[in-house]
mmCIF file of all heavy atoms, coordinates in Angstrom:
data_MODEL
# 
_entry.id   MODEL 
# 
loop_
_atom_site.group_PDB 
_atom_site.id 
_atom_site.type_symbol 
_atom_site.label_atom_id 
_atom_site.label_alt_id 
_atom_site.label_comp_id 
_atom_site.label_asym_id 
_atom_site.label_entity_id 
_atom_site.label_seq_id 
_atom_site.pdbx_PDB_ins_code 
_atom_site.Cartn_x 
_atom_site.Cartn_y 
_atom_site.Cartn_z 
_atom_site.occupancy 
_atom_site.B_iso_or_equiv 
_atom_site.pdbx_formal_charge 
_atom_site.auth_seq_id 
_atom_site.auth_comp_id 
_atom_site.auth_asym_id 
_atom_site.auth_atom_id 
_atom_site.pdbx_PDB_model_num 
ATOM 1   N N   . GLU A 1 1  ? 0.827   -1.207  0.000   1.00 0.00 ? 1  GLU A N   1 
ATOM 2   C CA  . GLU A 1 1  ? 0.000   0.000   0.000   1.00 0.00 ? 1  GLU A CA  1 
ATOM 3   C C   . GLU A 1 1  ? 0.862   1.258   0.000   1.00 0.00 ? 1  GLU A C   1 
ATOM 4   O O   . GLU A 1 1  ? 0.529   2.244   -0.670  1.00 0.00 ? 1  GLU A O   1 
ATOM 5   C CB  . GLU A 1 1  ? -0.943  -0.016  1.205   1.00 0.00 ? 1  GLU A CB  1 
ATOM 6   C CG  . GLU A 1 1  ? -2.113  -0.980  1.035   1.00 0.00 ? 1  GLU A CG  1 
ATOM 7   C CD  . GLU A 1 1  ? -3.035  -0.979  2.237   1.00 0.00 ? 1  GLU A CD  1 
ATOM 8   O OE1 . GLU A 1 1  ? -2.551  -0.699  3.367   1.00 0.00 ? 1  GLU A OE1 1 
ATOM 9   O OE2 . GLU A 1 1  ? -4.230  -1.277  2.065   1.00 0.00 ? 1  GLU A OE2 1 
ATOM 10  N N   . ARG A 1 2  ? 1.959   1.235   0.751   1.00 0.00 ? 2  ARG A N   1 
ATOM 11  C CA  . ARG A 1 2  ? 2.847   2.405   0.768   1.00 0.00 ? 2  ARG A CA  1 
ATOM 12  C C   . ARG A 1 2  ? 3.437   2.651   -0.623  1.00 0.00 ? 2  ARG A C   1 
ATOM 13  O O   . ARG A 1 2  ? 3.501   3.794   -1.093  1.00 0.00 ? 2  ARG A O   1 
ATOM 14  C CB  . ARG A 1 2  ? 3.980   2.192   1.789   1.00 0.00 ? 2  ARG A CB  1 
ATOM 15  C CG  . ARG A 1 2  ? 3.539   2.278   3.233   1.00 0.00 ? 2  ARG A CG  1 
ATOM 16  C CD  . ARG A 1 2  ? 4.738   2.442   4.165   1.00 0.00 ? 2  ARG A CD  1 
ATOM 17  N NE  . ARG A 1 2  ? 5.680   1.337   4.063   1.00 0.00 ? 2  ARG A NE  1 
ATOM 18  C CZ  . ARG A 1 2  ? 5.614   0.231   4.787   1.00 0.00 ? 2  ARG A CZ  1 
ATOM 19  N NH1 . ARG A 1 2  ? 4.630   0.080   5.666   1.00 0.00 ? 2  ARG A NH1 1 
ATOM 20  N NH2 . ARG A 1 2  ? 6.523   -0.726  4.642   1.00 0.00 ? 2  ARG A NH2 1 
ATOM 21  N N   . THR A 1 3  ? 3.850   1.574   -1.282  1.00 0.00 ? 3  THR A N   1 
ATOM 22  C CA  . THR A 1 3  ? 4.417   1.716   -2.628  1.00 0.00 ? 3  THR A CA  1 
ATOM 23  C C   . THR A 1 3  ? 3.348   2.123   -3.631  1.00 0.00 ? 3  THR A C   1 
ATOM 24  O O   . THR A 1 3  ? 3.600   2.921   -4.546  1.00 0.00 ? 3  THR A O   1 
ATOM 25  C CB  . THR A 1 3  ? 5.070   0.389   -3.074  1.00 0.00 ? 3  THR A CB  1 
ATOM 26  O OG1 . THR A 1 3  ? 5.994   -0.042  -2.068  1.00 0.00 ? 3  THR A OG1 1 
ATOM 27  C CG2 . THR A 1 3  ? 5.807   0.553   -4.393  1.00 0.00 ? 3  THR A CG2 1 
ATOM 28  N N   . ALA A 1 4  ? 2.142   1.598   -3.463  1.00 0.00 ? 4  ALA A N   1 
ATOM 29  C CA  . ALA A 1 4  ? 1.053   1.891   -4.394  1.00 0.00 ? 4  ALA A CA  1 
ATOM 30  C C   . ALA A 1 4  ? 0.685   3.372   -4.372  1.00 0.00 ? 4  ALA A C   1 
ATOM 31  O O   . ALA A 1 4  ? 0.290   3.940   -5.402  1.00 0.00 ? 4  ALA A O   1 
ATOM 32  C CB  . ALA A 1 4  ? -0.170  1.043   -4.047  1.00 0.00 ? 4  ALA A CB  1 
ATOM 33  N N   . ARG A 1 5  ? 0.812   4.013   -3.208  1.00 0.00 ? 5  ARG A N   1 
ATOM 34  C CA  . ARG A 1 5  ? 0.460   5.440   -3.097  1.00 0.00 ? 5  ARG A CA  1 
ATOM 35  C C   . ARG A 1 5  ? 1.378   6.317   -3.939  1.00 0.00 ? 5  ARG A C   1 
ATOM 36  O O   . ARG A 1 5  ? 1.039   7.452   -4.277  1.00 0.00 ? 5  ARG A O   1 
ATOM 37  C CB  . ARG A 1 5  ? 0.490   5.874   -1.627  1.00 0.00 ? 5  ARG A CB  1 
ATOM 38  C CG  . ARG A 1 5  ? -0.717  5.385   -0.822  1.00 0.00 ? 5  ARG A CG  1 
ATOM 39  C CD  . ARG A 1 5  ? -0.825  6.101   0.522   1.00 0.00 ? 5  ARG A CD  1 
ATOM 40  N NE  . ARG A 1 5  ? 0.188   5.646   1.463   1.00 0.00 ? 5  ARG A NE  1 
ATOM 41  C CZ  . ARG A 1 5  ? 0.039   4.627   2.309   1.00 0.00 ? 5  ARG A CZ  1 
ATOM 42  N NH1 . ARG A 1 5  ? -1.105  3.955   2.318   1.00 0.00 ? 5  ARG A NH1 1 
ATOM 43  N NH2 . ARG A 1 5  ? 0.999   4.296   3.144   1.00 0.00 ? 5  ARG A NH2 1 
ATOM 44  N N   . SER A 1 6  ? 2.542   5.773   -4.313  1.00 0.00 ? 6  SER A N   1 
ATOM 45  C CA  . SER A 1 6  ? 3.458   6.546   -5.160  1.00 0.00 ? 6  SER A CA  1 
ATOM 46  C C   . SER A 1 6  ? 3.101   6.427   -6.636  1.00 0.00 ? 6  SER A C   1 
ATOM 47  O O   . SER A 1 6  ? 3.754   7.023   -7.495  1.00 0.00 ? 6  SER A O   1 
ATOM 48  C CB  . SER A 1 6  ? 4.897   6.066   -4.938  1.00 0.00 ? 6  SER A CB  1 
ATOM 49  O OG  . SER A 1 6  ? 5.070   4.758   -5.465  1.00 0.00 ? 6  SER A OG  1 
ATOM 50  N N   . GLY A 1 7  ? 2.059   5.636   -6.930  1.00 0.00 ? 7  GLY A N   1 
ATOM 51  C CA  . GLY A 1 7  ? 1.632   5.462   -8.314  1.00 0.00 ? 7  GLY A CA  1 
ATOM 52  C C   . GLY A 1 7  ? 2.177   4.223   -8.990  1.00 0.00 ? 7  GLY A C   1 
ATOM 53  O O   . GLY A 1 7  ? 1.944   4.013   -10.188 1.00 0.00 ? 7  GLY A O   1 
ATOM 54  N N   . ASP A 1 8  ? 2.892   3.397   -8.255  1.00 0.00 ? 8  ASP A N   1 
ATOM 55  C CA  . ASP A 1 8  ? 3.461   2.172   -8.827  1.00 0.00 ? 8  ASP A CA  1 
ATOM 56  C C   . ASP A 1 8  ? 2.332   1.204   -9.212  1.00 0.00 ? 8  ASP A C   1 
ATOM 57  O O   . ASP A 1 8  ? 1.577   0.735   -8.343  1.00 0.00 ? 8  ASP A O   1 
ATOM 58  C CB  . ASP A 1 8  ? 4.396   1.527   -7.798  1.00 0.00 ? 8  ASP A CB  1 
ATOM 59  C CG  . ASP A 1 8  ? 5.156   0.345   -8.375  1.00 0.00 ? 8  ASP A CG  1 
ATOM 60  O OD1 . ASP A 1 8  ? 4.509   -0.679  -8.676  1.00 0.00 ? 8  ASP A OD1 1 
ATOM 61  O OD2 . ASP A 1 8  ? 6.394   0.425   -8.521  1.00 0.00 ? 8  ASP A OD2 1 
ATOM 62  N N   . LYS A 1 9  ? 2.223   0.892   -10.503 1.00 0.00 ? 9  LYS A N   1 
ATOM 63  C CA  . LYS A 1 9  ? 1.108   0.070   -10.985 1.00 0.00 ? 9  LYS A CA  1 
ATOM 64  C C   . LYS A 1 9  ? 1.202   -1.376  -10.507 1.00 0.00 ? 9  LYS A C   1 
ATOM 65  O O   . LYS A 1 9  ? 0.178   -2.006  -10.209 1.00 0.00 ? 9  LYS A O   1 
ATOM 66  C CB  . LYS A 1 9  ? 1.049   0.122   -12.507 1.00 0.00 ? 9  LYS A CB  1 
ATOM 67  C CG  . LYS A 1 9  ? 0.642   1.487   -13.040 1.00 0.00 ? 9  LYS A CG  1 
ATOM 68  C CD  . LYS A 1 9  ? 0.484   1.484   -14.555 1.00 0.00 ? 9  LYS A CD  1 
ATOM 69  C CE  . LYS A 1 9  ? 0.027   2.844   -15.053 1.00 0.00 ? 9  LYS A CE  1 
ATOM 70  N NZ  . LYS A 1 9  ? -0.133  2.860   -16.534 1.00 0.00 ? 9  LYS A NZ  1 
ATOM 71  N N   . ASP A 1 10 ? 2.421   -1.920  -10.447 1.00 0.00 ? 10 ASP A N   1 
ATOM 72  C CA  . ASP A 1 10 ? 2.573   -3.290  -9.952  1.00 0.00 ? 10 ASP A CA  1 
ATOM 73  C C   . ASP A 1 10 ? 2.134   -3.392  -8.493  1.00 0.00 ? 10 ASP A C   1 
ATOM 74  O O   . ASP A 1 10 ? 1.474   -4.360  -8.097  1.00 0.00 ? 10 ASP A O   1 
ATOM 75  C CB  . ASP A 1 10 ? 4.020   -3.759  -10.088 1.00 0.00 ? 10 ASP A CB  1 
ATOM 76  C CG  . ASP A 1 10 ? 4.386   -4.123  -11.518 1.00 0.00 ? 10 ASP A CG  1 
ATOM 77  O OD1 . ASP A 1 10 ? 3.454   -4.331  -12.332 1.00 0.00 ? 10 ASP A OD1 1 
ATOM 78  O OD2 . ASP A 1 10 ? 5.592   -4.200  -11.828 1.00 0.00 ? 10 ASP A OD2 1 
ATOM 79  N N   . ALA A 1 11 ? 2.512   -2.399  -7.709  1.00 0.00 ? 11 ALA A N   1 
ATOM 80  C CA  . ALA A 1 11 ? 2.116   -2.396  -6.293  1.00 0.00 ? 11 ALA A CA  1 
ATOM 81  C C   . ALA A 1 11 ? 0.606   -2.274  -6.157  1.00 0.00 ? 11 ALA A C   1 
ATOM 82  O O   . ALA A 1 11 ? -0.012  -2.917  -5.291  1.00 0.00 ? 11 ALA A O   1 
ATOM 83  C CB  . ALA A 1 11 ? 2.819   -1.265  -5.558  1.00 0.00 ? 11 ALA A CB  1 
ATOM 84  N N   . GLN A 1 12 ? -0.008  -1.450  -7.020  1.00 0.00 ? 12 GLN A N   1 
ATOM 85  C CA  . GLN A 1 12 ? -1.462  -1.302  -6.979  1.00 0.00 ? 12 GLN A CA  1 
ATOM 86  C C   . GLN A 1 12 ? -2.152  -2.625  -7.299  1.00 0.00 ? 12 GLN A C   1 
ATOM 87  O O   . GLN A 1 12 ? -3.146  -3.000  -6.671  1.00 0.00 ? 12 GLN A O   1 
ATOM 88  C CB  . GLN A 1 12 ? -1.898  -0.206  -7.950  1.00 0.00 ? 12 GLN A CB  1 
ATOM 89  C CG  . GLN A 1 12 ? -1.462  1.192   -7.515  1.00 0.00 ? 12 GLN A CG  1 
ATOM 90  C CD  . GLN A 1 12 ? -1.692  2.235   -8.599  1.00 0.00 ? 12 GLN A CD  1 
ATOM 91  O OE1 . GLN A 1 12 ? -2.033  1.916   -9.738  1.00 0.00 ? 12 GLN A OE1 1 
ATOM 92  N NE2 . GLN A 1 12 ? -1.494  3.511   -8.243  1.00 0.00 ? 12 GLN A NE2 1 
ATOM 93  N N   . ALA A 1 13 ? -1.608  -3.335  -8.292  1.00 0.00 ? 13 ALA A N   1 
ATOM 94  C CA  . ALA A 1 13 ? -2.178  -4.637  -8.652  1.00 0.00 ? 13 ALA A CA  1 
ATOM 95  C C   . ALA A 1 13 ? -1.973  -5.638  -7.520  1.00 0.00 ? 13 ALA A C   1 
ATOM 96  O O   . ALA A 1 13 ? -2.855  -6.452  -7.224  1.00 0.00 ? 13 ALA A O   1 
ATOM 97  C CB  . ALA A 1 13 ? -1.534  -5.147  -9.935  1.00 0.00 ? 13 ALA A CB  1 
ATOM 98  N N   . THR A 1 14 ? -0.810  -5.557  -6.872  1.00 0.00 ? 14 THR A N   1 
ATOM 99  C CA  . THR A 1 14 ? -0.522  -6.465  -5.754  1.00 0.00 ? 14 THR A CA  1 
ATOM 100 C C   . THR A 1 14 ? -1.507  -6.252  -4.616  1.00 0.00 ? 14 THR A C   1 
ATOM 101 O O   . THR A 1 14 ? -2.009  -7.211  -4.021  1.00 0.00 ? 14 THR A O   1 
ATOM 102 C CB  . THR A 1 14 ? 0.918   -6.240  -5.247  1.00 0.00 ? 14 THR A CB  1 
ATOM 103 O OG1 . THR A 1 14 ? 1.834   -6.507  -6.308  1.00 0.00 ? 14 THR A OG1 1 
ATOM 104 C CG2 . THR A 1 14 ? 1.227   -7.142  -4.062  1.00 0.00 ? 14 THR A CG2 1 
ATOM 105 N N   . VAL A 1 15 ? -1.819  -4.994  -4.324  1.00 0.00 ? 15 VAL A N   1 
ATOM 106 C CA  . VAL A 1 15 ? -2.781  -4.675  -3.267  1.00 0.00 ? 15 VAL A CA  1 
ATOM 107 C C   . VAL A 1 15 ? -4.132  -5.325  -3.562  1.00 0.00 ? 15 VAL A C   1 
ATOM 108 O O   . VAL A 1 15 ? -4.772  -5.917  -2.673  1.00 0.00 ? 15 VAL A O   1 
ATOM 109 C CB  . VAL A 1 15 ? -2.935  -3.148  -3.108  1.00 0.00 ? 15 VAL A CB  1 
ATOM 110 C CG1 . VAL A 1 15 ? -4.137  -2.809  -2.221  1.00 0.00 ? 15 VAL A CG1 1 
ATOM 111 C CG2 . VAL A 1 15 ? -1.657  -2.543  -2.541  1.00 0.00 ? 15 VAL A CG2 1 
ATOM 112 N N   . LYS A 1 16 ? -4.567  -5.255  -4.809  1.00 0.00 ? 16 LYS A N   1 
ATOM 113 C CA  . LYS A 1 16 ? -5.859  -5.846  -5.182  1.00 0.00 ? 16 LYS A CA  1 
ATOM 114 C C   . LYS A 1 16 ? -5.861  -7.354  -4.973  1.00 0.00 ? 16 LYS A C   1 
ATOM 115 O O   . LYS A 1 16 ? -6.827  -7.924  -4.456  1.00 0.00 ? 16 LYS A O   1 
ATOM 116 C CB  . LYS A 1 16 ? -6.178  -5.519  -6.645  1.00 0.00 ? 16 LYS A CB  1 
ATOM 117 C CG  . LYS A 1 16 ? -6.528  -4.068  -6.900  1.00 0.00 ? 16 LYS A CG  1 
ATOM 118 C CD  . LYS A 1 16 ? -6.863  -3.836  -8.374  1.00 0.00 ? 16 LYS A CD  1 
ATOM 119 C CE  . LYS A 1 16 ? -7.205  -2.377  -8.630  1.00 0.00 ? 16 LYS A CE  1 
ATOM 120 N NZ  . LYS A 1 16 ? -7.517  -2.136  -10.071 1.00 0.00 ? 16 LYS A NZ  1 
ATOM 121 N N   . VAL A 1 17 ? -4.773  -8.001  -5.373  1.00 0.00 ? 17 VAL A N   1 
ATOM 122 C CA  . VAL A 1 17 ? -4.708  -9.461  -5.233  1.00 0.00 ? 17 VAL A CA  1 
ATOM 123 C C   . VAL A 1 17 ? -4.646  -9.857  -3.763  1.00 0.00 ? 17 VAL A C   1 
ATOM 124 O O   . VAL A 1 17 ? -5.289  -10.827 -3.337  1.00 0.00 ? 17 VAL A O   1 
ATOM 125 C CB  . VAL A 1 17 ? -3.488  -10.027 -5.998  1.00 0.00 ? 17 VAL A CB  1 
ATOM 126 C CG1 . VAL A 1 17 ? -3.388  -11.541 -5.789  1.00 0.00 ? 17 VAL A CG1 1 
ATOM 127 C CG2 . VAL A 1 17 ? -3.585  -9.722  -7.481  1.00 0.00 ? 17 VAL A CG2 1 
ATOM 128 N N   . ILE A 1 18 ? -3.899  -9.090  -2.963  1.00 0.00 ? 18 ILE A N   1 
ATOM 129 C CA  . ILE A 1 18 ? -3.814  -9.394  -1.534  1.00 0.00 ? 18 ILE A CA  1 
ATOM 130 C C   . ILE A 1 18 ? -5.184  -9.288  -0.887  1.00 0.00 ? 18 ILE A C   1 
ATOM 131 O O   . ILE A 1 18 ? -5.590  -10.155 -0.092  1.00 0.00 ? 18 ILE A O   1 
ATOM 132 C CB  . ILE A 1 18 ? -2.806  -8.468  -0.829  1.00 0.00 ? 18 ILE A CB  1 
ATOM 133 C CG1 . ILE A 1 18 ? -1.376  -8.813  -1.271  1.00 0.00 ? 18 ILE A CG1 1 
ATOM 134 C CG2 . ILE A 1 18 ? -2.936  -8.582  0.692   1.00 0.00 ? 18 ILE A CG2 1 
ATOM 135 C CD1 . ILE A 1 18 ? -0.315  -7.876  -0.717  1.00 0.00 ? 18 ILE A CD1 1 
ATOM 136 N N   . HIS A 1 19 ? -5.938  -8.237  -1.210  1.00 0.00 ? 19 HIS A N   1 
ATOM 137 C CA  . HIS A 1 19 ? -7.289  -8.087  -0.658  1.00 0.00 ? 19 HIS A CA  1 
ATOM 138 C C   . HIS A 1 19 ? -8.175  -9.261  -1.077  1.00 0.00 ? 19 HIS A C   1 
ATOM 139 O O   . HIS A 1 19 ? -8.961  -9.775  -0.271  1.00 0.00 ? 19 HIS A O   1 
ATOM 140 C CB  . HIS A 1 19 ? -7.906  -6.767  -1.129  1.00 0.00 ? 19 HIS A CB  1 
ATOM 141 C CG  . HIS A 1 19 ? -7.480  -5.578  -0.313  1.00 0.00 ? 19 HIS A CG  1 
ATOM 142 N ND1 . HIS A 1 19 ? -7.715  -5.482  1.041   1.00 0.00 ? 19 HIS A ND1 1 
ATOM 143 C CD2 . HIS A 1 19 ? -6.830  -4.435  -0.669  1.00 0.00 ? 19 HIS A CD2 1 
ATOM 144 C CE1 . HIS A 1 19 ? -7.241  -4.334  1.488   1.00 0.00 ? 19 HIS A CE1 1 
ATOM 145 N NE2 . HIS A 1 19 ? -6.696  -3.678  0.474   1.00 0.00 ? 19 HIS A NE2 1 
ATOM 146 N N   . LYS A 1 20 ? -8.019  -9.683  -2.317  1.00 0.00 ? 20 LYS A N   1 
ATOM 147 C CA  . LYS A 1 20 ? -8.800  -10.807 -2.818  1.00 0.00 ? 20 LYS A CA  1 
ATOM 148 C C   . LYS A 1 20 ? -8.492  -12.074 -2.021  1.00 0.00 ? 20 LYS A C   1 
ATOM 149 O O   . LYS A 1 20 ? -9.395  -12.837 -1.653  1.00 0.00 ? 20 LYS A O   1 
ATOM 150 C CB  . LYS A 1 20 ? -8.483  -11.017 -4.303  1.00 0.00 ? 20 LYS A CB  1 
ATOM 151 C CG  . LYS A 1 20 ? -9.430  -11.934 -5.048  1.00 0.00 ? 20 LYS A CG  1 
ATOM 152 C CD  . LYS A 1 20 ? -9.107  -11.896 -6.549  1.00 0.00 ? 20 LYS A CD  1 
ATOM 153 C CE  . LYS A 1 20 ? -10.078 -12.749 -7.349  1.00 0.00 ? 20 LYS A CE  1 
ATOM 154 N NZ  . LYS A 1 20 ? -9.790  -12.654 -8.818  1.00 0.00 ? 20 LYS A NZ  1 
ATOM 155 N N   . CYS A 1 21 ? -7.219  -12.281 -1.724  1.00 0.00 ? 21 CYS A N   1 
ATOM 156 C CA  . CYS A 1 21 ? -6.796  -13.457 -0.956  1.00 0.00 ? 21 CYS A CA  1 
ATOM 157 C C   . CYS A 1 21 ? -7.296  -13.392 0.485   1.00 0.00 ? 21 CYS A C   1 
ATOM 158 O O   . CYS A 1 21 ? -7.769  -14.391 1.039   1.00 0.00 ? 21 CYS A O   1 
ATOM 159 C CB  . CYS A 1 21 ? -5.278  -13.580 -0.971  1.00 0.00 ? 21 CYS A CB  1 
ATOM 160 S SG  . CYS A 1 21 ? -4.575  -14.010 -2.576  1.00 0.00 ? 21 CYS A SG  1 
ATOM 161 N N   . LEU A 1 22 ? -7.183  -12.214 1.098   1.00 0.00 ? 22 LEU A N   1 
ATOM 162 C CA  . LEU A 1 22 ? -7.621  -12.063 2.482   1.00 0.00 ? 22 LEU A CA  1 
ATOM 163 C C   . LEU A 1 22 ? -9.129  -12.272 2.617   1.00 0.00 ? 22 LEU A C   1 
ATOM 164 O O   . LEU A 1 22 ? -9.603  -12.885 3.588   1.00 0.00 ? 22 LEU A O   1 
ATOM 165 C CB  . LEU A 1 22 ? -7.227  -10.687 3.017   1.00 0.00 ? 22 LEU A CB  1 
ATOM 166 C CG  . LEU A 1 22 ? -5.738  -10.494 3.326   1.00 0.00 ? 22 LEU A CG  1 
ATOM 167 C CD1 . LEU A 1 22 ? -5.429  -9.030  3.628   1.00 0.00 ? 22 LEU A CD1 1 
ATOM 168 C CD2 . LEU A 1 22 ? -5.306  -11.382 4.496   1.00 0.00 ? 22 LEU A CD2 1 
ATOM 169 N N   . GLU A 1 23 ? -9.884  -11.779 1.645   1.00 0.00 ? 23 GLU A N   1 
ATOM 170 C CA  . GLU A 1 23 ? -11.336 -11.991 1.668   1.00 0.00 ? 23 GLU A CA  1 
ATOM 171 C C   . GLU A 1 23 ? -11.660 -13.480 1.573   1.00 0.00 ? 23 GLU A C   1 
ATOM 172 O O   . GLU A 1 23 ? -12.557 -13.986 2.258   1.00 0.00 ? 23 GLU A O   1 
ATOM 173 C CB  . GLU A 1 23 ? -11.991 -11.238 0.507   1.00 0.00 ? 23 GLU A CB  1 
ATOM 174 C CG  . GLU A 1 23 ? -12.007 -9.724  0.691   1.00 0.00 ? 23 GLU A CG  1 
ATOM 175 C CD  . GLU A 1 23 ? -12.519 -8.996  -0.542  1.00 0.00 ? 23 GLU A CD  1 
ATOM 176 O OE1 . GLU A 1 23 ? -12.998 -9.690  -1.475  1.00 0.00 ? 23 GLU A OE1 1 
ATOM 177 O OE2 . GLU A 1 23 ? -12.423 -7.761  -0.574  1.00 0.00 ? 23 GLU A OE2 1 
ATOM 178 N N   . HIS A 1 24 ? -10.908 -14.192 0.731   1.00 0.00 ? 24 HIS A N   1 
ATOM 179 C CA  . HIS A 1 24 ? -11.144 -15.631 0.567   1.00 0.00 ? 24 HIS A CA  1 
ATOM 180 C C   . HIS A 1 24 ? -10.800 -16.381 1.849   1.00 0.00 ? 24 HIS A C   1 
ATOM 181 O O   . HIS A 1 24 ? -11.558 -17.252 2.295   1.00 0.00 ? 24 HIS A O   1 
ATOM 182 C CB  . HIS A 1 24 ? -10.305 -16.150 -0.600  1.00 0.00 ? 24 HIS A CB  1 
ATOM 183 C CG  . HIS A 1 24 ? -10.615 -17.563 -0.978  1.00 0.00 ? 24 HIS A CG  1 
ATOM 184 N ND1 . HIS A 1 24 ? -11.740 -17.912 -1.690  1.00 0.00 ? 24 HIS A ND1 1 
ATOM 185 C CD2 . HIS A 1 24 ? -9.946  -18.729 -0.725  1.00 0.00 ? 24 HIS A CD2 1 
ATOM 186 C CE1 . HIS A 1 24 ? -11.753 -19.222 -1.880  1.00 0.00 ? 24 HIS A CE1 1 
ATOM 187 N NE2 . HIS A 1 24 ? -10.679 -19.739 -1.298  1.00 0.00 ? 24 HIS A NE2 1 
ATOM 188 N N   . LEU A 1 25 ? -9.659  -16.054 2.458   1.00 0.00 ? 25 LEU A N   1 
ATOM 189 C CA  . LEU A 1 25 ? -9.275  -16.705 3.705   1.00 0.00 ? 25 LEU A CA  1 
ATOM 190 C C   . LEU A 1 25 ? -10.273 -16.389 4.820   1.00 0.00 ? 25 LEU A C   1 
ATOM 191 O O   . LEU A 1 25 ? -10.475 -17.208 5.724   1.00 0.00 ? 25 LEU A O   1 
ATOM 192 C CB  . LEU A 1 25 ? -7.869  -16.250 4.118   1.00 0.00 ? 25 LEU A CB  1 
ATOM 193 C CG  . LEU A 1 25 ? -6.721  -16.788 3.257   1.00 0.00 ? 25 LEU A CG  1 
ATOM 194 C CD1 . LEU A 1 25 ? -5.434  -16.023 3.542   1.00 0.00 ? 25 LEU A CD1 1 
ATOM 195 C CD2 . LEU A 1 25 ? -6.513  -18.272 3.506   1.00 0.00 ? 25 LEU A CD2 1 
ATOM 196 N N   . GLY A 1 26 ? -10.903 -15.227 4.732   1.00 0.00 ? 26 GLY A N   1 
ATOM 197 C CA  . GLY A 1 26 ? -11.905 -14.852 5.718   1.00 0.00 ? 26 GLY A CA  1 
ATOM 198 C C   . GLY A 1 26 ? -13.137 -15.735 5.697   1.00 0.00 ? 26 GLY A C   1 
ATOM 199 O O   . GLY A 1 26 ? -13.921 -15.743 6.656   1.00 0.00 ? 26 GLY A O   1 
ATOM 200 N N   . THR A 1 27 ? -13.312 -16.499 4.644   1.00 0.00 ? 27 THR A N   1 
ATOM 201 C CA  . THR A 1 27 ? -14.431 -17.449 4.553   1.00 0.00 ? 27 THR A CA  1 
ATOM 202 C C   . THR A 1 27 ? -14.021 -18.837 5.030   1.00 0.00 ? 27 THR A C   1 
ATOM 203 O O   . THR A 1 27 ? -14.747 -19.811 4.817   1.00 0.00 ? 27 THR A O   1 
ATOM 204 C CB  . THR A 1 27 ? -14.949 -17.545 3.102   1.00 0.00 ? 27 THR A CB  1 
ATOM 205 O OG1 . THR A 1 27 ? -13.928 -18.139 2.274   1.00 0.00 ? 27 THR A OG1 1 
ATOM 206 C CG2 . THR A 1 27 ? -15.314 -16.176 2.559   1.00 0.00 ? 27 THR A CG2 1 
ATOM 207 N N   . ASP A 1 28 ? -12.842 -18.941 5.658   1.00 0.00 ? 28 ASP A N   1 
ATOM 208 C CA  . ASP A 1 28 ? -12.295 -20.219 6.144   1.00 0.00 ? 28 ASP A CA  1 
ATOM 209 C C   . ASP A 1 28 ? -12.021 -21.192 5.003   1.00 0.00 ? 28 ASP A C   1 
ATOM 210 O O   . ASP A 1 28 ? -12.179 -22.412 5.160   1.00 0.00 ? 28 ASP A O   1 
ATOM 211 C CB  . ASP A 1 28 ? -13.221 -20.876 7.170   1.00 0.00 ? 28 ASP A CB  1 
ATOM 212 C CG  . ASP A 1 28 ? -13.257 -20.117 8.478   1.00 0.00 ? 28 ASP A CG  1 
ATOM 213 O OD1 . ASP A 1 28 ? -12.231 -19.488 8.825   1.00 0.00 ? 28 ASP A OD1 1 
ATOM 214 O OD2 . ASP A 1 28 ? -14.303 -20.126 9.148   1.00 0.00 ? 28 ASP A OD2 1 
# 
């Protein structure tokens, strides 16, 4: 997230995938 705020597109994409993974793990 810190890197994404600088406009780094790879970091922004990484943030999206991480959120997707965390949401999935949240369903056990």
